[in-house]
Amino acid sequence: MTDYVQRIFDNLDSWRHLPSYQLERRADAFFSAYLPDILELRFGSKPAHLIPEFPIHIPTIHPGALGHRSFKVDYLGVFSADRPLVLVELKTEASSRRDKQDWYLSKAQDTGVRDLLTGLAKIYAATVAKSKYDALLGALDRAGLIRLRGRGVFDVLAPSIRPEILYITPAVQDGSISAIPFTEIADLIAKNADALSQRFAASLRTWALVPAGGLSPAA
């Protein structure tokens, strides 16, 4: 194992116990490398496309909301035209899961894929970050979910289906079938012999067993 791989995960293991350190944001890159395999473990096939930070137009899922605010889903997993899409949320601490976020995801699921994609047009019209949303729409076009007809103008091709929801979380405490625990992911990743996979799997097992802030002051 290279010293740098060891150092990266030693830092993550240690620094996640600090008050303002956001492990999710740092570990996201490592999870993303294995996410196709993780989704295959749960759904039986790898996604054809992964789109991070997928925006959900809040007034689309909650008509009483005003403006054009959105909340972001960590990943949108796209399989094939006849398979549900997957909204994936990464939680490196079980305590970071919130009822409000669960409610948003449930409403997004009930709203359905076509309306979620249609809601993007309203975000696009309001945003000043149009070049970044152009990149998002391009990714959705390549995934076969929309067909671009011009800048910010598109037809929705996705069928009227409910997206699946999957939480990636240290432990599944409520028996939910919509979550997959770190220990299961660690077992999957550890099947790879490379140093990065082995060290990441070791950290995942630690993160599953010891909650952030769970070390003694002398540790």
Protein backbone atom coordinates (compact mmCIF):
# COMPACT_ATOMS: atom_id res chain seq x y z
CA MET A 1 0.00 0.00 0.00
CA THR A 2 1.35 3.40 -0.91
CA ASP A 3 2.02 5.87 1.87
CA TYR A 4 -0.36 8.36 0.27
CA VAL A 5 -3.33 5.97 0.20
CA GLN A 6 -2.69 5.08 3.83
CA ARG A 7 -2.35 8.76 4.75
CA ILE A 8 -5.60 9.77 3.04
CA PHE A 9 -7.70 7.23 4.91
CA ASP A 10 -5.85 7.72 8.19
CA ASN A 11 -6.80 11.39 7.92
CA LEU A 12 -10.42 10.60 7.11
CA ASP A 13 -10.62 8.16 10.02
CA SER A 14 -9.24 10.75 12.41
CA TRP A 15 -10.67 14.03 11.13
CA ARG A 16 -14.29 12.81 10.86
CA HIS A 17 -14.43 13.13 14.67
CA LEU A 18 -13.81 16.90 14.52
CA PRO A 19 -16.81 19.24 14.99
CA SER A 20 -17.05 20.79 11.52
CA TYR A 21 -15.41 18.15 9.35
CA GLN A 22 -17.79 16.88 6.67
CA LEU A 23 -16.76 13.34 5.83
CA GLU A 24 -19.49 12.92 3.22
CA ARG A 25 -18.00 15.63 1.04
CA ARG A 26 -14.47 14.15 1.26
CA ALA A 27 -15.39 10.48 0.93
CA ASP A 28 -17.83 11.06 -1.92
CA ALA A 29 -15.11 10.65 -4.57
CA PHE A 30 -14.20 7.21 -3.25
CA PHE A 31 -17.81 6.04 -3.04
CA SER A 32 -18.43 7.26 -6.60
CA ALA A 33 -15.74 4.95 -7.97
CA TYR A 34 -17.54 1.91 -6.57
CA LEU A 35 -21.12 3.13 -6.92
CA PRO A 36 -21.88 1.11 -10.09
CA ASP A 37 -20.89 -2.06 -8.22
CA ILE A 38 -22.90 -1.02 -5.15
CA LEU A 39 -26.01 -0.45 -7.24
CA GLU A 40 -25.51 -3.75 -9.01
CA LEU A 41 -25.37 -5.43 -5.61
CA ARG A 42 -28.82 -4.07 -4.80
CA PHE A 43 -30.55 -3.91 -8.18
CA GLY A 44 -28.88 -6.71 -10.15
CA SER A 45 -27.22 -4.59 -12.84
CA LYS A 46 -24.88 -1.63 -13.15
CA PRO A 47 -26.32 1.76 -14.07
CA ALA A 48 -25.50 3.03 -17.54
CA HIS A 49 -25.19 6.59 -16.23
CA LEU A 50 -24.56 8.31 -12.89
CA ILE A 51 -25.40 11.99 -12.42
CA PRO A 52 -24.29 13.61 -9.16
CA GLU A 53 -26.10 16.39 -7.29
CA PHE A 54 -29.32 15.91 -9.25
CA PRO A 55 -31.63 18.89 -8.56
CA ILE A 56 -35.27 18.44 -7.61
CA HIS A 57 -37.50 21.48 -8.16
CA ILE A 58 -39.25 21.90 -4.82
CA PRO A 59 -42.49 23.51 -6.14
CA THR A 60 -42.83 20.56 -8.53
CA ILE A 61 -43.03 18.09 -5.66
CA HIS A 62 -44.67 20.50 -3.21
CA PRO A 63 -47.07 22.82 -5.06
CA GLY A 64 -47.46 25.04 -2.00
CA ALA A 65 -43.80 26.08 -2.17
CA LEU A 66 -42.90 29.40 -3.74
CA GLY A 67 -40.02 30.36 -6.02
CA HIS A 68 -37.69 27.98 -7.79
CA ARG A 69 -35.60 26.51 -5.01
CA SER A 70 -34.31 22.98 -5.36
CA PHE A 71 -32.80 20.30 -3.20
CA LYS A 72 -30.05 18.06 -4.48
CA VAL A 73 -29.99 14.27 -4.51
CA ASP A 74 -26.46 12.93 -4.18
CA TYR A 75 -26.72 10.71 -7.27
CA LEU A 76 -29.21 9.84 -9.97
CA GLY A 77 -28.60 6.33 -11.26
CA VAL A 78 -29.93 5.58 -14.75
CA PHE A 79 -30.19 1.97 -15.84
CA SER A 80 -32.10 1.34 -19.07
CA ALA A 81 -35.33 2.64 -20.52
CA ASP A 82 -37.39 -0.14 -18.96
CA ARG A 83 -35.84 0.08 -15.48
CA PRO A 84 -36.66 2.54 -12.69
CA LEU A 85 -34.20 5.29 -11.98
CA VAL A 86 -32.55 5.40 -8.56
CA LEU A 87 -32.17 8.39 -6.27
CA VAL A 88 -29.11 7.69 -4.11
CA GLU A 89 -28.30 9.46 -0.85
CA LEU A 90 -24.94 9.01 0.87
CA LYS A 91 -24.84 9.35 4.65
CA THR A 92 -21.57 8.82 6.50
CA GLU A 93 -23.34 9.36 9.82
CA ALA A 94 -26.65 7.72 10.67
CA SER A 95 -27.58 10.83 12.67
CA SER A 96 -27.39 13.03 9.55
CA ARG A 97 -30.52 11.44 8.07
CA ARG A 98 -33.37 13.90 8.49
CA ASP A 99 -37.15 13.51 8.38
CA LYS A 100 -37.44 16.53 6.08
CA GLN A 101 -35.06 14.98 3.56
CA ASP A 102 -36.93 11.67 3.74
CA TRP A 103 -40.13 13.59 3.07
CA TYR A 104 -38.61 15.37 0.05
CA LEU A 105 -37.41 12.06 -1.39
CA SER A 106 -40.78 10.42 -0.81
CA LYS A 107 -42.54 13.31 -2.55
CA ALA A 108 -40.07 13.10 -5.43
CA GLN A 109 -40.79 9.39 -5.75
CA ASP A 110 -44.54 10.01 -5.79
CA THR A 111 -44.15 12.81 -8.34
CA GLY A 112 -42.49 10.51 -10.85
CA VAL A 113 -39.58 10.81 -13.24
CA ARG A 114 -41.29 12.74 -16.05
CA ASP A 115 -42.45 15.57 -13.81
CA LEU A 116 -39.09 15.72 -12.01
CA LEU A 117 -37.38 16.23 -15.36
CA THR A 118 -39.98 18.78 -16.46
CA GLY A 119 -39.26 20.70 -13.28
CA LEU A 120 -35.69 21.21 -14.44
CA ALA A 121 -36.94 23.61 -17.10
CA LYS A 122 -38.24 25.90 -14.36
CA ILE A 123 -34.91 25.76 -12.52
CA TYR A 124 -33.09 26.50 -15.77
CA ALA A 125 -35.23 29.55 -16.47
CA ALA A 126 -34.45 30.98 -13.02
CA THR A 127 -30.78 30.06 -12.56
CA VAL A 128 -27.80 32.30 -13.31
CA ALA A 129 -25.58 29.18 -13.60
CA LYS A 130 -26.92 28.26 -17.03
CA SER A 131 -23.63 26.86 -18.33
CA LYS A 132 -23.60 24.28 -15.52
CA TYR A 133 -27.22 23.40 -16.14
CA ASP A 134 -26.35 23.06 -19.85
CA ALA A 135 -23.86 20.38 -18.77
CA LEU A 136 -26.55 18.69 -16.66
CA LEU A 137 -29.06 18.70 -19.49
CA GLY A 138 -26.39 17.32 -21.81
CA ALA A 139 -25.79 14.44 -19.40
CA LEU A 140 -29.53 13.73 -19.21
CA ASP A 141 -29.72 13.83 -23.01
CA ARG A 142 -26.89 11.30 -23.30
CA ALA A 143 -28.69 9.13 -20.74
CA GLY A 144 -31.75 9.09 -22.98
CA LEU A 145 -34.02 10.80 -20.44
CA ILE A 146 -34.52 13.99 -22.46
CA ARG A 147 -33.93 15.22 -26.00
CA LEU A 148 -32.41 18.68 -26.28
CA ARG A 149 -33.98 20.95 -28.91
CA GLY A 150 -31.96 24.03 -28.07
CA ARG A 151 -30.26 25.66 -25.16
CA GLY A 152 -32.41 24.94 -22.12
CA VAL A 153 -35.21 23.56 -24.30
CA PHE A 154 -35.93 19.85 -24.25
CA ASP A 155 -38.50 17.11 -24.58
CA VAL A 156 -38.84 14.56 -21.80
CA LEU A 157 -38.36 11.00 -23.07
CA ALA A 158 -38.40 9.15 -19.76
CA PRO A 159 -41.50 7.07 -19.05
CA SER A 160 -43.89 7.88 -16.22
CA ILE A 161 -42.25 5.71 -13.58
CA ARG A 162 -41.51 6.07 -9.89
CA PRO A 163 -37.81 6.32 -9.08
CA GLU A 164 -36.34 3.97 -6.53
CA ILE A 165 -34.65 5.39 -3.40
CA LEU A 166 -31.46 4.03 -1.89
CA TYR A 167 -29.60 5.26 1.17
CA ILE A 168 -25.94 4.35 1.60
CA THR A 169 -25.46 4.51 5.35
CA PRO A 170 -23.21 3.24 8.16
CA ALA A 171 -25.90 0.91 9.49
CA VAL A 172 -29.48 -0.03 8.68
CA GLN A 173 -31.28 0.48 11.97
CA ASP A 174 -34.93 0.49 10.92
CA GLY A 175 -35.01 -2.60 8.74
CA SER A 176 -35.51 -0.44 5.66
CA ILE A 177 -34.98 -2.22 2.35
CA SER A 178 -34.10 1.15 0.82
CA ALA A 179 -30.72 1.27 2.56
CA ILE A 180 -27.45 -0.59 2.23
CA PRO A 181 -24.94 -0.58 5.13
CA PHE A 182 -21.22 0.14 5.02
CA THR A 183 -20.34 -3.38 6.14
CA GLU A 184 -22.05 -4.86 3.09
CA ILE A 185 -20.28 -2.35 0.85
CA ALA A 186 -16.94 -3.09 2.55
CA ASP A 187 -17.34 -6.80 1.82
CA LEU A 188 -18.01 -5.97 -1.82
CA ILE A 189 -15.07 -3.59 -2.19
CA ALA A 190 -12.66 -5.91 -0.35
CA LYS A 191 -13.03 -8.44 -3.17
CA ASN A 192 -10.69 -6.17 -5.13
CA ALA A 193 -7.02 -6.81 -4.38
CA ASP A 194 -5.71 -3.29 -4.99
CA ALA A 195 -4.44 -1.16 -2.11
CA LEU A 196 -7.09 1.53 -2.45
CA SER A 197 -9.96 -0.96 -2.25
CA GLN A 198 -8.49 -2.77 0.72
CA ARG A 199 -7.84 0.43 2.67
CA PHE A 200 -11.24 1.94 1.83
CA ALA A 201 -12.97 -1.27 2.96
CA ALA A 202 -11.10 -1.12 6.26
CA SER A 203 -12.24 2.45 6.86
CA LEU A 204 -15.83 1.61 5.97
CA ARG A 205 -15.88 -1.08 8.65
CA THR A 206 -14.52 1.42 11.16
CA TRP A 207 -17.06 4.07 10.17
CA ALA A 208 -19.84 1.52 10.57
CA LEU A 209 -18.78 0.50 14.07
CA VAL A 210 -17.59 3.78 15.58
CA PRO A 211 -19.82 6.84 15.11
CA ALA A 212 -18.21 10.19 14.49
CA GLY A 213 -17.29 11.71 17.83
CA GLY A 214 -17.33 8.25 19.39
CA LEU A 215 -13.66 8.20 20.30
CA SER A 216 -12.52 8.82 23.83
CA PRO A 217 -10.69 12.12 24.47
CA ALA A 218 -7.41 10.23 24.72
CA ALA A 219 -7.86 8.42 21.38
